[in-house]
Protein backbone atom coordinates (compact mmCIF):
# COMPACT_ATOMS: atom_id res chain seq x y z
CA MET A 1 -12.94 -51.96 -17.98
CA ALA A 2 -15.21 -53.34 -20.68
CA ALA A 3 -13.65 -55.27 -23.51
CA SER A 4 -12.91 -53.08 -26.50
CA VAL A 5 -14.86 -54.07 -29.57
CA ASP A 6 -13.95 -52.15 -32.69
CA THR A 7 -16.94 -50.74 -34.56
CA LYS A 8 -17.34 -50.08 -38.22
CA PRO A 9 -15.06 -47.16 -39.19
CA PHE A 10 -16.77 -43.77 -39.08
CA ALA A 11 -19.83 -45.15 -37.33
CA PRO A 12 -22.74 -42.77 -36.52
CA PHE A 13 -21.69 -42.38 -32.87
CA GLU A 14 -18.25 -41.14 -34.00
CA TRP A 15 -19.86 -38.43 -36.14
CA LEU A 16 -22.19 -37.56 -33.25
CA LEU A 17 -19.30 -37.10 -30.81
CA ALA A 18 -17.30 -35.09 -33.37
CA SER A 19 -20.22 -32.70 -33.91
CA ARG A 20 -20.59 -32.31 -30.13
CA TYR A 21 -16.90 -31.46 -29.77
CA LEU A 22 -17.21 -28.79 -32.47
CA ARG A 23 -19.90 -27.07 -30.43
CA ALA A 24 -18.87 -24.90 -27.54
CA ARG A 25 -20.00 -24.96 -23.96
CA ARG A 26 -23.08 -22.84 -23.35
CA LYS A 27 -21.23 -19.84 -22.07
CA GLU A 28 -19.07 -19.65 -25.20
CA GLY A 29 -21.89 -19.69 -27.74
CA PHE A 30 -23.07 -22.08 -30.45
CA ILE A 31 -19.67 -23.07 -31.81
CA SER A 32 -16.20 -23.19 -30.36
CA VAL A 33 -14.13 -20.02 -30.73
CA THR A 34 -11.10 -22.16 -31.60
CA ALA A 35 -13.04 -23.88 -34.37
CA VAL A 36 -14.21 -20.52 -35.75
CA VAL A 37 -10.65 -19.13 -35.84
CA SER A 38 -9.34 -22.27 -37.54
CA PHE A 39 -12.23 -22.21 -40.03
CA LEU A 40 -11.65 -18.55 -40.91
CA GLY A 41 -7.91 -19.13 -41.29
CA ILE A 42 -8.39 -21.95 -43.80
CA MET A 43 -11.18 -20.13 -45.66
CA LEU A 44 -9.27 -16.85 -46.05
CA GLY A 45 -6.03 -18.64 -46.92
CA VAL A 46 -7.64 -20.66 -49.72
CA ALA A 47 -9.66 -17.68 -51.01
CA THR A 48 -6.59 -15.42 -51.03
CA LEU A 49 -4.51 -17.99 -52.88
CA ILE A 50 -7.24 -18.55 -55.51
CA ILE A 51 -7.80 -14.80 -56.01
CA VAL A 52 -4.12 -13.86 -56.33
CA MET A 53 -3.33 -16.72 -58.71
CA ALA A 54 -6.40 -15.87 -60.82
CA VAL A 55 -5.29 -12.23 -61.04
CA MET A 56 -1.76 -13.28 -62.00
CA ASN A 57 -3.15 -15.61 -64.67
CA GLY A 58 -5.51 -12.93 -65.94
CA PHE A 59 -2.74 -10.34 -66.00
CA ARG A 60 -0.51 -12.63 -68.05
CA LYS A 61 -3.33 -13.65 -70.41
CA ASP A 62 -4.44 -10.08 -71.06
CA LEU A 63 -0.90 -8.84 -71.63
CA PHE A 64 -0.27 -11.80 -73.90
CA ALA A 65 -3.44 -11.02 -75.89
CA LYS A 66 -2.63 -7.30 -76.18
CA ILE A 67 1.00 -7.80 -77.17
CA LEU A 68 0.31 -10.54 -79.71
CA GLY A 69 -2.87 -8.81 -80.86
CA LEU A 70 -0.85 -5.83 -82.05
CA ASN A 71 2.53 -7.37 -82.81
CA GLY A 72 3.26 -10.30 -85.07
CA HIS A 73 4.16 -13.70 -83.71
CA ILE A 74 7.26 -13.80 -85.94
CA VAL A 75 9.27 -10.89 -87.37
CA VAL A 76 11.11 -11.26 -90.68
CA TYR A 77 13.77 -8.64 -91.47
CA LYS A 78 16.97 -8.03 -93.41
CA VAL A 79 20.32 -6.79 -92.13
CA GLY A 80 22.65 -4.69 -94.25
CA ALA A 81 20.34 -4.51 -97.27
CA PRO A 82 17.11 -2.62 -98.09
CA PHE A 83 13.95 -4.68 -97.74
CA ASP A 84 12.64 -3.73 -101.21
CA ASP A 85 11.37 -7.15 -102.28
CA TYR A 86 8.83 -7.29 -99.46
CA LEU A 87 5.83 -8.02 -101.68
CA SER A 88 7.33 -11.17 -103.19
CA MET A 89 8.81 -12.12 -99.81
CA ALA A 90 5.40 -11.74 -98.16
CA GLU A 91 3.95 -14.19 -100.69
CA ILE A 92 6.77 -16.67 -100.05
CA VAL A 93 6.42 -16.41 -96.28
CA ALA A 94 2.64 -16.78 -96.46
CA ARG A 95 3.12 -20.17 -98.15
CA ALA A 96 5.05 -21.57 -95.16
CA GLN A 97 3.22 -24.14 -93.05
CA GLY A 98 1.36 -22.64 -90.09
CA VAL A 99 1.50 -19.05 -91.42
CA GLU A 100 -1.77 -17.16 -91.77
CA ARG A 101 -0.62 -13.72 -92.90
CA ALA A 102 2.54 -11.66 -93.55
CA ILE A 103 2.15 -7.90 -92.91
CA PRO A 104 4.67 -5.36 -94.34
CA LEU A 105 5.45 -2.61 -91.82
CA ILE A 106 7.34 0.67 -91.52
CA GLU A 107 8.33 1.56 -87.95
CA GLY A 108 9.57 4.87 -86.62
CA GLN A 109 9.91 6.96 -83.47
CA VAL A 110 8.60 10.52 -83.74
CA MET A 111 7.54 13.50 -81.70
CA VAL A 112 3.88 14.46 -82.00
CA SER A 113 2.62 17.94 -81.21
CA SER A 114 -0.62 19.87 -80.88
CA PRO A 115 -1.35 23.42 -79.74
CA VAL A 116 -1.30 22.05 -76.19
CA GLN A 117 1.92 20.03 -75.90
CA ALA A 118 4.42 17.71 -77.60
CA LEU A 119 4.97 14.02 -76.78
CA GLY A 120 6.96 11.05 -78.03
CA ALA A 121 5.16 8.35 -79.99
CA ALA A 122 5.67 5.33 -82.23
CA VAL A 123 4.42 5.37 -85.82
CA ARG A 124 3.61 2.27 -87.83
CA GLY A 125 3.05 2.36 -91.56
CA ILE A 126 0.58 -0.37 -92.52
CA ALA A 127 -1.87 -1.04 -95.35
CA GLU A 128 -5.60 -0.73 -94.68
CA ASN A 129 -6.39 -4.43 -95.25
CA ASP A 130 -3.57 -5.48 -92.94
CA LEU A 131 -4.69 -3.05 -90.21
CA LYS A 132 -8.25 -4.34 -90.45
CA SER A 133 -6.94 -7.90 -90.10
CA LEU A 134 -5.82 -7.06 -86.54
CA PRO A 135 -8.98 -7.53 -84.41
CA LEU A 136 -7.41 -5.75 -81.44
CA VAL A 137 -7.35 -2.54 -83.50
CA ALA A 138 -10.23 -3.01 -85.93
CA ASP A 139 -12.73 -3.97 -83.19
CA ASN A 140 -11.77 -1.12 -80.87
CA ILE A 141 -12.21 2.02 -83.00
CA ARG A 142 -13.90 4.52 -80.69
CA TYR A 143 -14.15 7.49 -83.07
CA GLY A 144 -13.84 7.71 -86.83
CA THR A 145 -13.32 4.77 -89.18
CA LEU A 146 -10.64 2.74 -90.93
CA ASP A 147 -12.61 2.64 -94.18
CA GLY A 148 -10.61 4.26 -96.95
CA PHE A 149 -7.57 4.46 -94.68
CA ASP A 150 -5.07 3.96 -97.54
CA ASN A 151 -6.33 7.01 -99.44
CA SER A 152 -7.42 9.15 -96.53
CA GLY A 153 -4.11 10.91 -96.06
CA GLY A 154 -4.85 10.75 -92.34
CA ILE A 155 -3.60 8.97 -89.23
CA ALA A 156 -5.08 6.69 -86.54
CA VAL A 157 -4.04 7.41 -82.94
CA GLY A 158 -4.57 5.91 -79.48
CA ILE A 159 -7.25 7.41 -77.28
CA ARG A 160 -4.90 8.29 -74.42
CA LEU A 161 -2.53 10.05 -76.79
CA ALA A 162 -5.44 12.00 -78.28
CA ASN A 163 -6.63 12.96 -74.79
CA MET A 164 -3.18 14.12 -73.69
CA LEU A 165 -2.86 16.23 -76.84
CA ARG A 166 -6.51 17.33 -76.46
CA LEU A 167 -7.36 16.37 -80.00
CA ASN A 168 -10.48 14.82 -81.52
CA GLU A 169 -11.38 13.12 -84.77
CA GLY A 170 -10.76 15.50 -87.68
CA ASP A 171 -8.20 17.64 -85.81
CA MET A 172 -4.71 18.06 -87.24
CA ILE A 173 -1.74 16.42 -85.52
CA THR A 174 1.87 17.23 -86.37
CA ILE A 175 4.54 14.53 -86.35
CA ILE A 176 8.22 15.43 -86.34
CA SER A 177 11.05 13.04 -87.20
CA PRO A 178 14.70 13.87 -86.49
CA ARG A 179 15.72 12.02 -89.67
CA GLY A 180 14.76 14.44 -92.40
CA ALA A 181 16.43 15.79 -95.49
CA ALA A 182 20.20 16.24 -95.60
CA THR A 183 21.37 19.87 -95.91
CA PRO A 184 24.78 21.57 -95.96
CA PHE A 185 24.17 22.36 -92.30
CA GLY A 186 23.25 18.79 -91.33
CA THR A 187 20.09 16.73 -91.22
CA ALA A 188 16.95 18.82 -90.91
CA PRO A 189 14.01 17.39 -88.96
CA ARG A 190 10.99 16.43 -91.05
CA SER A 191 7.62 17.79 -89.96
CA LYS A 192 4.18 17.13 -91.42
CA SER A 193 0.60 17.49 -90.24
CA TYR A 194 -2.14 14.87 -90.70
CA PRO A 195 -5.85 14.82 -89.92
CA ILE A 196 -6.96 12.27 -87.32
CA THR A 197 -9.26 9.84 -89.14
CA ALA A 198 -9.62 7.22 -86.35
CA ILE A 199 -9.11 6.99 -82.59
CA PHE A 200 -8.70 3.51 -81.08
CA GLU A 201 -8.63 2.11 -77.54
CA LEU A 202 -6.69 -1.14 -77.19
CA GLY A 203 -7.14 -1.44 -73.41
CA MET A 204 -3.40 -1.33 -72.75
CA ALA A 205 -2.32 2.08 -71.49
CA GLU A 206 1.18 1.88 -72.98
CA TYR A 207 -0.19 1.31 -76.49
CA ASP A 208 -3.07 3.78 -76.20
CA LYS A 209 -0.74 6.66 -75.32
CA THR A 210 2.15 5.96 -77.73
CA MET A 211 0.85 4.14 -80.82
CA MET A 212 -0.17 5.67 -84.17
CA PHE A 213 -0.83 4.19 -87.62
CA LEU A 214 -0.11 5.78 -91.02
CA PRO A 215 -1.04 4.32 -94.43
CA LEU A 216 1.91 2.29 -95.69
CA GLU A 217 2.62 4.41 -98.79
CA GLU A 218 2.43 7.64 -96.79
CA ALA A 219 4.81 6.23 -94.16
CA GLN A 220 7.23 5.22 -96.93
CA ARG A 221 7.22 8.79 -98.25
CA TYR A 222 7.50 10.36 -94.80
CA PHE A 223 10.44 8.20 -93.70
CA SER A 224 12.11 8.34 -97.16
CA LYS A 225 11.73 4.61 -97.72
CA VAL A 226 9.75 4.53 -100.94
CA GLY A 227 9.48 0.95 -102.19
CA GLU A 228 10.87 -0.44 -98.92
CA VAL A 229 9.66 -1.65 -95.54
CA ASP A 230 11.42 -2.31 -92.27
CA ILE A 231 9.98 -5.72 -91.39
CA LEU A 232 7.37 -8.33 -92.18
CA GLU A 233 5.23 -9.23 -89.17
CA VAL A 234 3.97 -12.80 -89.51
CA ILE A 235 0.75 -14.07 -87.93
CA VAL A 236 0.74 -17.83 -87.30
CA SER A 237 -2.14 -20.15 -86.43
CA ASP A 238 -0.55 -21.35 -83.16
CA PRO A 239 1.59 -18.78 -81.27
CA GLU A 240 2.98 -21.55 -79.05
CA ALA A 241 4.38 -23.38 -82.11
CA VAL A 242 6.52 -20.54 -83.46
CA ASP A 243 9.63 -22.73 -83.62
CA ALA A 244 8.10 -24.94 -86.31
CA ALA A 245 6.72 -21.93 -88.17
CA SER A 246 10.10 -20.15 -88.05
CA ALA A 247 11.82 -23.22 -89.47
CA ALA A 248 9.22 -23.43 -92.25
CA ILE A 249 9.73 -19.74 -93.09
CA ARG A 250 13.50 -20.17 -93.30
CA ALA A 251 13.05 -23.20 -95.54
CA GLU A 252 10.78 -21.22 -97.90
CA ALA A 253 12.68 -17.91 -97.93
CA GLY A 254 16.27 -19.17 -97.77
CA GLN A 255 19.17 -17.44 -96.05
CA THR A 256 18.43 -13.91 -97.28
CA ILE A 257 16.29 -13.07 -94.24
CA ASN A 258 16.53 -13.13 -90.45
CA VAL A 259 13.75 -14.38 -88.19
CA THR A 260 12.86 -13.71 -84.55
CA ASP A 261 9.71 -14.66 -82.63
CA TRP A 262 7.58 -13.14 -79.87
CA ARG A 263 9.16 -15.26 -77.13
CA GLN A 264 12.63 -13.97 -77.92
CA ARG A 265 11.44 -10.37 -78.13
CA ASN A 266 9.52 -10.53 -74.82
CA GLU A 267 11.57 -13.19 -73.02
CA THR A 268 12.60 -11.03 -70.05
CA PHE A 269 9.11 -9.64 -69.53
CA PHE A 270 7.29 -12.99 -69.50
CA THR A 271 10.07 -14.63 -67.44
CA VAL A 272 9.62 -11.99 -64.75
CA LEU A 273 5.85 -12.60 -64.74
CA GLU A 274 6.34 -16.37 -64.39
CA VAL A 275 8.86 -15.99 -61.55
CA GLU A 276 6.57 -13.55 -59.74
CA ARG A 277 3.65 -15.92 -60.16
CA ASN A 278 5.57 -18.88 -58.69
CA VAL A 279 6.93 -16.85 -55.79
CA MET A 280 3.46 -15.53 -54.94
CA PHE A 281 2.10 -19.08 -54.91
CA ILE A 282 4.80 -20.20 -52.47
CA ILE A 283 4.38 -17.21 -50.17
CA LEU A 284 0.59 -17.36 -50.07
CA SER A 285 0.67 -21.12 -49.52
CA LEU A 286 2.21 -20.30 -46.14
CA ILE A 287 -1.14 -18.74 -45.14
CA VAL A 288 -2.84 -22.11 -45.61
CA LEU A 289 0.03 -23.81 -43.76
CA VAL A 290 -0.34 -21.41 -40.80
CA ALA A 291 -4.08 -22.10 -40.75
CA ALA A 292 -3.36 -25.84 -40.70
CA LEU A 293 -0.98 -25.35 -37.77
CA ASN A 294 -3.76 -23.48 -36.03
CA ILE A 295 -5.92 -26.59 -36.41
CA ILE A 296 -3.16 -28.64 -34.73
CA SER A 297 -2.97 -26.29 -31.75
CA GLY A 298 -6.76 -26.17 -31.43
CA MET A 299 -7.03 -29.95 -31.58
CA MET A 300 -4.28 -30.41 -28.99
CA MET A 301 -6.19 -28.10 -26.65
CA LEU A 302 -9.38 -30.04 -27.37
CA VAL A 303 -7.69 -33.37 -26.60
CA LYS A 304 -6.38 -31.98 -23.31
CA GLU A 305 -9.80 -30.57 -22.39
CA LYS A 306 -11.62 -33.80 -23.27
CA GLY A 307 -9.19 -36.11 -21.47
CA ARG A 308 -11.86 -37.24 -18.98
CA ASP A 309 -14.36 -37.88 -21.82
CA ILE A 310 -11.79 -39.97 -23.67
CA ALA A 311 -11.12 -42.03 -20.54
CA ILE A 312 -14.82 -42.68 -20.04
CA LEU A 313 -15.22 -43.70 -23.68
CA ARG A 314 -12.32 -46.12 -23.36
CA THR A 315 -13.72 -47.68 -20.16
CA MET A 316 -17.07 -48.09 -21.92
CA GLY A 317 -15.38 -50.15 -24.65
CA ALA A 318 -14.43 -47.62 -27.33
CA THR A 319 -11.29 -48.69 -29.17
CA LYS A 320 -8.24 -46.55 -29.82
CA GLY A 321 -9.25 -46.45 -33.48
CA ALA A 322 -12.71 -45.12 -32.66
CA VAL A 323 -11.26 -42.37 -30.45
CA MET A 324 -8.77 -41.44 -33.15
CA ARG A 325 -11.50 -41.25 -35.78
CA VAL A 326 -13.65 -39.02 -33.57
CA PHE A 327 -10.94 -36.40 -33.32
CA LEU A 328 -9.94 -36.90 -36.95
CA ILE A 329 -13.51 -36.09 -38.02
CA THR A 330 -13.57 -33.08 -35.69
CA GLY A 331 -10.40 -31.52 -37.05
CA ALA A 332 -10.89 -32.52 -40.69
CA SER A 333 -14.41 -31.08 -40.70
CA ILE A 334 -13.02 -27.64 -39.90
CA GLY A 335 -10.45 -27.89 -42.69
CA ILE A 336 -12.80 -29.36 -45.31
CA VAL A 337 -15.65 -26.92 -44.69
CA GLY A 338 -13.19 -24.02 -44.51
CA THR A 339 -11.56 -25.07 -47.78
CA LEU A 340 -14.90 -25.35 -49.59
CA ALA A 341 -16.02 -21.98 -48.19
CA GLY A 342 -12.70 -20.47 -49.34
CA LEU A 343 -13.24 -21.95 -52.82
CA VAL A 344 -16.69 -20.37 -53.08
CA LEU A 345 -15.47 -17.04 -51.71
CA GLY A 346 -12.48 -16.98 -54.08
CA VAL A 347 -14.53 -17.83 -57.18
CA VAL A 348 -17.26 -15.28 -56.36
CA PHE A 349 -14.62 -12.61 -55.66
CA CYS A 350 -12.90 -13.30 -59.00
CA MET A 351 -16.21 -13.14 -60.89
CA HIS A 352 -16.88 -9.63 -59.53
CA ILE A 353 -13.31 -8.40 -59.13
CA GLU A 354 -13.69 -5.38 -61.41
CA GLU A 355 -16.80 -4.18 -59.53
CA ILE A 356 -14.94 -4.69 -56.24
CA ARG A 357 -11.96 -2.71 -57.57
CA GLN A 358 -14.22 0.18 -58.57
CA PHE A 359 -15.94 0.10 -55.17
CA VAL A 360 -12.60 0.16 -53.30
CA THR A 361 -11.44 3.01 -55.57
CA TRP A 362 -14.61 4.95 -54.68
CA ILE A 363 -14.24 4.26 -50.94
CA ALA A 364 -10.50 5.00 -50.78
CA GLY A 365 -10.65 7.98 -53.14
CA THR A 366 -7.54 6.80 -54.96
CA LYS A 367 -6.75 4.67 -58.00
CA VAL A 368 -6.48 0.94 -57.37
CA PHE A 369 -4.62 -0.86 -60.17
CA ASP A 370 -3.46 2.32 -61.94
CA PRO A 371 -3.31 1.60 -65.70
CA ASN A 372 -0.27 3.85 -66.04
CA VAL A 373 1.62 1.45 -63.76
CA TYR A 374 0.08 -1.91 -64.62
CA TYR A 375 -0.42 -1.31 -68.39
CA LEU A 376 -3.99 -2.69 -68.44
CA THR A 377 -7.12 -0.55 -67.98
CA ARG A 378 -9.07 -3.17 -66.00
CA LEU A 379 -8.21 -5.68 -63.30
CA PRO A 380 -8.23 -9.13 -64.93
CA ALA A 381 -8.90 -12.49 -63.27
CA GLU A 382 -8.64 -15.84 -65.03
CA ILE A 383 -9.45 -18.93 -62.95
CA ASN A 384 -7.47 -21.96 -64.03
CA PRO A 385 -9.49 -25.08 -63.07
CA VAL A 386 -6.40 -27.28 -62.75
CA GLU A 387 -4.56 -24.75 -60.61
CA THR A 388 -7.61 -24.08 -58.45
CA GLY A 389 -8.08 -27.83 -58.01
CA SER A 390 -4.47 -28.18 -56.86
CA ILE A 391 -4.98 -25.36 -54.32
CA VAL A 392 -8.09 -27.06 -52.93
CA ALA A 393 -6.35 -30.45 -52.85
CA MET A 394 -3.36 -28.95 -51.03
CA ALA A 395 -5.60 -27.29 -48.44
CA LEU A 396 -7.59 -30.48 -47.89
CA ALA A 397 -4.43 -32.55 -47.52
CA LEU A 398 -2.90 -30.10 -45.02
CA SER A 399 -6.16 -29.99 -43.06
CA VAL A 400 -6.34 -33.78 -42.75
CA LEU A 401 -2.62 -34.16 -42.00
CA ALA A 402 -2.91 -31.48 -39.31
CA THR A 403 -5.41 -33.60 -37.40
CA LEU A 404 -3.42 -36.86 -37.47
CA TYR A 405 -1.03 -36.14 -34.61
CA PRO A 406 -3.64 -34.75 -32.17
CA SER A 407 -5.96 -37.68 -33.03
CA TRP A 408 -3.15 -40.15 -32.46
CA ARG A 409 -2.36 -38.52 -29.10
CA ALA A 410 -6.03 -38.81 -28.12
CA SER A 411 -6.09 -42.52 -29.00
CA ARG A 412 -2.92 -43.13 -26.95
CA LEU A 413 -4.35 -41.50 -23.81
CA ASP A 414 -4.29 -43.90 -20.82
CA PRO A 415 -7.79 -43.97 -19.22
CA VAL A 416 -6.42 -44.73 -15.77
CA GLU A 417 -3.98 -41.79 -15.83
CA ALA A 418 -6.62 -39.47 -17.25
CA LEU A 419 -9.15 -40.28 -14.51
CA ARG A 420 -6.56 -40.30 -11.74
CA TYR A 421 -5.83 -36.58 -12.08
CA GLU A 422 -9.37 -35.41 -12.64
């Protein structure tokens, strides 16, 4: 046997042999069936993981934007006393560091009715300037206008609610509150009709079918709270820094008020989303792991099939390291190319996910991502570069690690034993 002389790592002949081993014998086609299966496994695993995590991120981001776009980041309220000094309190709160705006609100649950049917809804009393300061509402008026809202004597409603009641701009809508005037026979419900002056579409089904806005003074009269409000909703410059803003508000306003923030009010909801996101990542990572194991089995079969070739290489002077690198390149090439293909497929899929959803809906003849179930009217996808990079890095690492043991076994093959049983 010729003396083994180690060559420069990853020499051209090692790449040449690796490319030959990736190709199949003539009767099997251009490329090995095992290599194709391993490639598809890695590609689909990476693409699936990228797509699902992007949808989860997009779902959380859109919900976050809708919830905080309509609701304040911090809520200031009083317990056991009427909130009748809200104007002066709004000025005090607005001076706190990090606060952009304090919005006085009246909130109430009512029943709304039309000649068609009656439904439950939530009414918010808010001043025109404050309503226009909410881009989620002001930028999504589909019919009518918010101009002159304070003096219009009308009401703004969500588009889904208007559709369910079969009402349009200018039609009259009746709202009924169980807390009306006190009579000798008990509390009589209060009922009043208003013209619809604006119809909005927020893009969140739950809001579009339950939310209505009344001018603040009209809401105070309707709910018998003249000169009072229920809460102050505070908009801050950084929603993630509500702790500092809450402390600043307490320092400015003293102990006469209570404060709660959006994280406390939506803690359960966002915790569930985060847990679901983490669990999905773990479960879908198993797809990539299974694909990596498929590379191991394919490489072990390749090593066994190429035992005679390995023996000849060794007798010709190839070192154990050279043999190991040949099979390492072979297996790693499948994983690396599959990972990069999965990255491209996942990114392209996410970029066109809404068109794909509509196409699948048309083919299947049923709703995919029903807004009545998932709150949002479109399927969101938000690719996080750091997260996507970690997915690609994980897939590359698993692909390379999967080839180490078969490559090591190939390098340890005894040429004499391999040739003896051929």
